[in-house]
């Protein structure tokens, strides 16, 4: 399986049993733009082209039409995702420069100003996308079938795009990385963001920023949001649904996208 490998271990219980467990891989992944490394993240070595494209958009480095090419180059101790941009993206690249070596749980490492960390994002365009409570539960229930790496390892995050069904899903040891890979995959496959981003993780400010840059009107997460994430979702025009487990969930912003009748999306 790409991104995982069997690892020897001992199991201690009533007896000691040797064997193997499949664990996720994490490697150093450099994200380079026009020949300059902007970030180094520990990430699962899968869907790295999507990672580069998604990171460029969600971090405000480049718009999709400004990306010329993406190449993944193996280097002695990791992978280098080389993204080449049009000249007009150079100014934005400089303004959003990062010099970070980020652990998997970090979405803001290396940002050199409070303004960058708390950047405002575009308001999501008006959408007719609506969900019933049953469809929210359906969206969450559809995740397990798309989490093959998680099923094998129990140690990665997932991000999926749902619009009546899961159109795309991505996984990674880092929750931010999984979302960036989803965004990049959607852009590369021409999937319109008129639907819900479904997350297996908590929702922090930077996760809302990334979804807003994608332009999706709705987030569904199995864990809780932060106060600031809710406030940003409200300003960005995003419906934030969290703690979606079993038969219950909580809606924190733009509740008008939840409808109580009807069985179709739209």
Protein backbone atom coordinates (compact mmCIF):
# COMPACT_ATOMS: atom_id res chain seq x y z
CA UNK A 1 0.00 0.00 0.00
CA UNK A 2 1.33 3.43 -0.95
CA UNK A 3 2.06 5.44 2.20
CA UNK A 4 2.21 2.49 4.61
CA UNK A 5 4.38 -0.50 5.34
CA UNK A 6 4.41 -3.52 7.68
CA UNK A 7 6.54 -2.94 10.79
CA UNK A 8 7.69 -5.64 13.27
CA UNK A 9 6.29 -5.38 16.79
CA UNK A 10 5.55 -7.38 19.94
CA UNK A 11 2.03 -7.60 21.36
CA UNK A 12 1.84 -7.86 25.15
CA UNK A 13 -1.35 -9.35 26.62
CA UNK A 14 -2.06 -12.72 28.22
CA UNK A 15 1.01 -13.78 26.27
CA UNK A 16 3.69 -12.10 24.18
CA UNK A 17 3.12 -12.46 20.45
CA UNK A 18 5.54 -11.34 17.72
CA UNK A 19 4.28 -10.13 14.37
CA UNK A 20 3.81 -7.07 12.21
CA UNK A 21 1.52 -4.04 12.09
CA UNK A 22 0.93 -1.83 9.08
CA UNK A 23 1.90 1.75 9.96
CA UNK A 24 1.67 4.96 7.93
CA UNK A 25 4.82 6.48 6.51
CA UNK A 26 5.80 10.09 7.01
CA UNK A 27 8.59 11.62 4.98
CA UNK A 28 10.03 15.10 4.61
CA UNK A 29 8.21 16.77 1.72
CA UNK A 30 9.56 20.04 0.40
CA UNK A 31 7.09 22.35 -1.33
CA UNK A 32 9.08 24.41 -3.81
CA UNK A 33 7.73 27.21 -5.99
CA UNK A 34 9.72 28.50 -8.96
CA UNK A 35 12.84 26.86 -7.59
CA UNK A 36 12.56 28.21 -4.03
CA UNK A 37 11.51 25.98 -1.13
CA UNK A 38 8.64 27.60 0.76
CA UNK A 39 7.80 24.82 3.23
CA UNK A 40 9.00 21.45 4.44
CA UNK A 41 6.28 19.28 5.92
CA UNK A 42 6.26 15.76 7.30
CA UNK A 43 3.64 14.06 5.16
CA UNK A 44 2.41 10.74 3.80
CA UNK A 45 4.19 10.14 0.45
CA UNK A 46 1.03 9.79 -1.65
CA UNK A 47 -0.88 12.22 -3.90
CA UNK A 48 1.98 14.71 -3.70
CA UNK A 49 1.05 16.48 -6.95
CA UNK A 50 -2.33 17.21 -5.38
CA UNK A 51 -0.52 18.41 -2.25
CA UNK A 52 1.51 20.96 -4.19
CA UNK A 53 -1.46 22.36 -6.11
CA UNK A 54 -3.70 22.45 -3.03
CA UNK A 55 -1.08 24.12 -0.85
CA UNK A 56 -0.50 26.79 -3.51
CA UNK A 57 -4.18 27.71 -3.52
CA UNK A 58 -5.06 27.41 0.16
CA UNK A 59 -2.02 29.39 1.28
CA UNK A 60 -2.70 32.20 -1.19
CA UNK A 61 0.47 31.59 -3.21
CA UNK A 62 -1.16 31.07 -6.61
CA UNK A 63 -4.51 30.69 -8.31
CA UNK A 64 -5.10 27.51 -10.33
CA UNK A 65 -4.62 29.26 -13.68
CA UNK A 66 -1.20 30.52 -12.51
CA UNK A 67 0.20 26.99 -12.01
CA UNK A 68 2.22 25.84 -15.01
CA UNK A 69 3.41 22.41 -13.88
CA UNK A 70 4.00 20.16 -10.87
CA UNK A 71 6.82 17.62 -10.61
CA UNK A 72 7.67 15.31 -7.71
CA UNK A 73 11.39 14.67 -7.42
CA UNK A 74 12.88 12.10 -5.06
CA UNK A 75 15.76 13.53 -3.02
CA UNK A 76 18.12 11.67 -0.68
CA UNK A 77 16.00 12.12 2.46
CA UNK A 78 12.52 12.82 1.13
CA UNK A 79 10.49 14.24 -1.75
CA UNK A 80 10.60 17.64 -3.42
CA UNK A 81 7.30 18.84 -4.90
CA UNK A 82 8.38 21.38 -7.52
CA UNK A 83 5.60 23.74 -8.57
CA UNK A 84 6.24 26.19 -11.40
CA UNK A 85 4.14 29.34 -11.54
CA UNK A 86 3.44 32.07 -14.03
CA UNK A 87 5.41 35.32 -13.53
CA UNK A 88 2.36 37.17 -12.22
CA UNK A 89 2.33 34.90 -9.15
CA UNK A 90 5.84 35.98 -8.10
CA UNK A 91 4.66 38.97 -6.06
CA UNK A 92 2.14 36.85 -4.19
CA UNK A 93 4.76 34.19 -3.65
CA UNK A 94 7.06 36.71 -2.00
CA UNK A 95 4.27 38.13 0.16
CA UNK A 96 3.27 34.67 1.37
CA UNK A 97 6.78 33.32 1.79
CA UNK A 98 7.35 30.66 4.39
CA UNK A 99 10.54 29.25 5.80
CA UNK A 100 9.16 26.43 7.87
CA UNK A 101 9.91 22.91 8.93
CA UNK A 102 6.54 21.80 10.20
CA UNK A 103 5.54 18.76 12.25
CA UNK A 104 2.44 16.93 11.10
CA UNK A 105 0.13 18.71 13.54
CA UNK A 106 1.19 22.22 12.63
CA UNK A 107 -0.67 24.39 10.15
CA UNK A 108 0.94 27.75 10.94
CA UNK A 109 4.60 26.93 11.60
CA UNK A 110 7.00 29.47 10.12
CA UNK A 111 4.52 32.24 9.34
CA UNK A 112 6.39 35.40 10.18
CA UNK A 113 3.57 37.75 11.17
CA UNK A 114 0.31 37.74 13.12
CA UNK A 115 -1.39 39.21 10.06
CA UNK A 116 -0.49 36.14 8.00
CA UNK A 117 -1.72 33.75 10.68
CA UNK A 118 -5.04 35.59 11.01
CA UNK A 119 -5.47 36.45 7.35
CA UNK A 120 -8.96 37.11 6.12
CA UNK A 121 -10.24 35.01 3.23
CA UNK A 122 -12.72 35.60 0.42
CA UNK A 123 -16.39 35.20 1.23
CA UNK A 124 -17.69 32.02 -0.37
CA UNK A 125 -19.95 32.70 -3.34
CA UNK A 126 -23.70 32.24 -2.76
CA UNK A 127 -24.74 28.61 -3.20
CA UNK A 128 -28.04 26.76 -3.43
CA UNK A 129 -26.44 23.73 -1.79
CA UNK A 130 -28.61 22.55 1.11
CA UNK A 131 -28.61 19.42 3.26
CA UNK A 132 -31.14 17.63 5.40
CA UNK A 133 -30.01 16.18 8.74
CA UNK A 134 -30.21 12.73 7.18
CA UNK A 135 -27.80 13.81 4.43
CA UNK A 136 -25.34 15.18 6.98
CA UNK A 137 -25.32 11.79 8.66
CA UNK A 138 -25.01 10.12 5.26
CA UNK A 139 -21.98 12.25 4.37
CA UNK A 140 -20.20 11.27 7.60
CA UNK A 141 -21.19 7.62 7.24
CA UNK A 142 -19.65 7.56 3.76
CA UNK A 143 -16.17 8.32 5.08
CA UNK A 144 -15.11 4.84 6.28
CA UNK A 145 -15.36 3.39 2.79
CA UNK A 146 -12.96 6.06 1.52
CA UNK A 147 -10.31 5.71 4.26
CA UNK A 148 -8.28 2.76 3.09
CA UNK A 149 -5.04 3.99 4.66
CA UNK A 150 -6.80 4.67 7.95
CA UNK A 151 -8.44 1.25 7.86
CA UNK A 152 -5.00 -0.33 7.50
CA UNK A 153 -3.15 1.83 10.03
CA UNK A 154 -5.63 3.65 12.32
CA UNK A 155 -3.22 6.57 12.30
CA UNK A 156 -4.10 9.07 9.54
CA UNK A 157 -6.59 11.88 8.92
CA UNK A 158 -9.05 12.05 6.06
CA UNK A 159 -10.69 14.81 4.03
CA UNK A 160 -13.44 14.16 1.49
CA UNK A 161 -15.72 16.14 -0.80
CA UNK A 162 -19.39 15.13 -0.72
CA UNK A 163 -22.21 16.20 -3.01
CA UNK A 164 -24.75 13.45 -2.74
CA UNK A 165 -21.84 11.00 -2.76
CA UNK A 166 -18.11 11.15 -2.11
CA UNK A 167 -16.51 12.56 -5.25
CA UNK A 168 -12.94 12.53 -3.92
CA UNK A 169 -11.08 11.69 -0.72
CA UNK A 170 -7.50 12.09 0.44
CA UNK A 171 -5.58 10.90 3.52
CA UNK A 172 -2.41 11.96 5.31
CA UNK A 173 -0.73 11.78 8.70
CA UNK A 174 -1.34 15.54 8.92
CA UNK A 175 -4.88 16.94 8.90
CA UNK A 176 -3.81 20.07 7.03
CA UNK A 177 -1.97 17.95 4.47
CA UNK A 178 -5.04 15.77 3.89
CA UNK A 179 -7.15 18.87 3.23
CA UNK A 180 -4.55 20.40 0.90
CA UNK A 181 -4.39 17.12 -1.04
CA UNK A 182 -8.17 17.10 -1.36
CA UNK A 183 -8.20 20.70 -2.62
CA UNK A 184 -5.43 19.98 -5.11
CA UNK A 185 -7.11 16.82 -6.33
CA UNK A 186 -10.37 18.67 -6.89
CA UNK A 187 -8.64 21.40 -8.87
CA UNK A 188 -6.71 18.91 -11.00
CA UNK A 189 -9.84 16.87 -11.72
CA UNK A 190 -12.08 19.87 -12.36
CA UNK A 191 -14.48 19.14 -9.48
CA UNK A 192 -16.63 22.17 -8.65
CA UNK A 193 -16.64 23.02 -4.93
CA UNK A 194 -20.45 23.20 -4.63
CA UNK A 195 -20.78 20.71 -1.82
CA UNK A 196 -19.45 19.79 1.60
CA UNK A 197 -15.88 19.21 2.77
CA UNK A 198 -15.99 16.35 5.29
CA UNK A 199 -13.17 16.16 7.84
CA UNK A 200 -12.12 13.51 10.34
CA UNK A 201 -10.32 16.10 12.47
CA UNK A 202 -11.05 19.09 14.67
CA UNK A 203 -11.67 22.40 12.89
CA UNK A 204 -9.16 25.17 13.56
CA UNK A 205 -8.91 28.60 11.95
CA UNK A 206 -6.46 27.48 9.30
CA UNK A 207 -8.72 24.62 8.20
CA UNK A 208 -11.55 27.10 7.63
CA UNK A 209 -9.14 29.37 5.73
CA UNK A 210 -8.26 26.51 3.38
CA UNK A 211 -11.91 25.58 2.73
CA UNK A 212 -12.73 29.23 2.07
CA UNK A 213 -9.92 29.46 -0.48
CA UNK A 214 -11.41 26.41 -2.19
CA UNK A 215 -14.81 28.09 -2.17
CA UNK A 216 -16.83 25.27 -0.61
CA UNK A 217 -19.91 26.47 1.29
CA UNK A 218 -20.04 23.79 3.97
CA UNK A 219 -17.76 21.93 6.38
CA UNK A 220 -18.78 18.76 8.20
CA UNK A 221 -16.36 17.54 10.88
CA UNK A 222 -16.47 14.69 13.35
CA UNK A 223 -14.65 16.73 16.01
CA UNK A 224 -15.16 20.16 17.56
CA UNK A 225 -14.19 23.59 16.19
CA UNK A 226 -12.42 26.43 17.95
CA UNK A 227 -14.19 29.70 18.77
CA UNK A 228 -12.08 31.52 16.18
CA UNK A 229 -12.86 28.91 13.52
CA UNK A 230 -16.58 29.45 14.06
CA UNK A 231 -16.17 33.23 13.85
CA UNK A 232 -14.17 32.95 10.62
CA UNK A 233 -16.69 30.53 9.10
CA UNK A 234 -19.45 33.04 9.86
CA UNK A 235 -17.54 35.86 8.17
CA UNK A 236 -16.60 33.68 5.19
CA UNK A 237 -20.16 32.52 4.51
CA UNK A 238 -19.44 28.88 5.40
CA UNK A 239 -21.83 26.58 7.22
CA UNK A 240 -19.80 24.83 9.91
CA UNK A 241 -21.18 21.52 11.18
CA UNK A 242 -19.12 19.71 13.80
CA UNK A 243 -19.24 16.90 16.34
CA UNK A 244 -21.05 14.87 13.69
CA UNK A 245 -21.14 11.41 15.19
CA UNK A 246 -23.91 8.86 15.15
CA UNK A 247 -27.35 10.49 15.01
CA UNK A 248 -26.36 13.94 16.26
CA UNK A 249 -24.36 16.93 15.10
CA UNK A 250 -24.08 20.62 15.94
CA UNK A 251 -24.33 23.58 13.54
CA UNK A 252 -22.31 26.68 14.46
CA UNK A 253 -22.70 29.08 11.52
CA UNK A 254 -25.03 29.81 8.59
CA UNK A 255 -27.69 27.39 9.72
CA UNK A 256 -29.88 28.30 6.72
CA UNK A 257 -28.15 25.60 4.66
CA UNK A 258 -29.82 22.92 6.80
CA UNK A 259 -33.32 21.96 5.72
CA UNK A 260 -35.74 19.74 7.56
CA UNK A 261 -37.71 18.43 4.61
CA UNK A 262 -36.89 16.93 1.23
CA UNK A 263 -34.54 14.11 0.34
CA UNK A 264 -32.39 15.63 -2.38
CA UNK A 265 -29.29 17.82 -2.38
CA UNK A 266 -29.66 21.29 -3.88
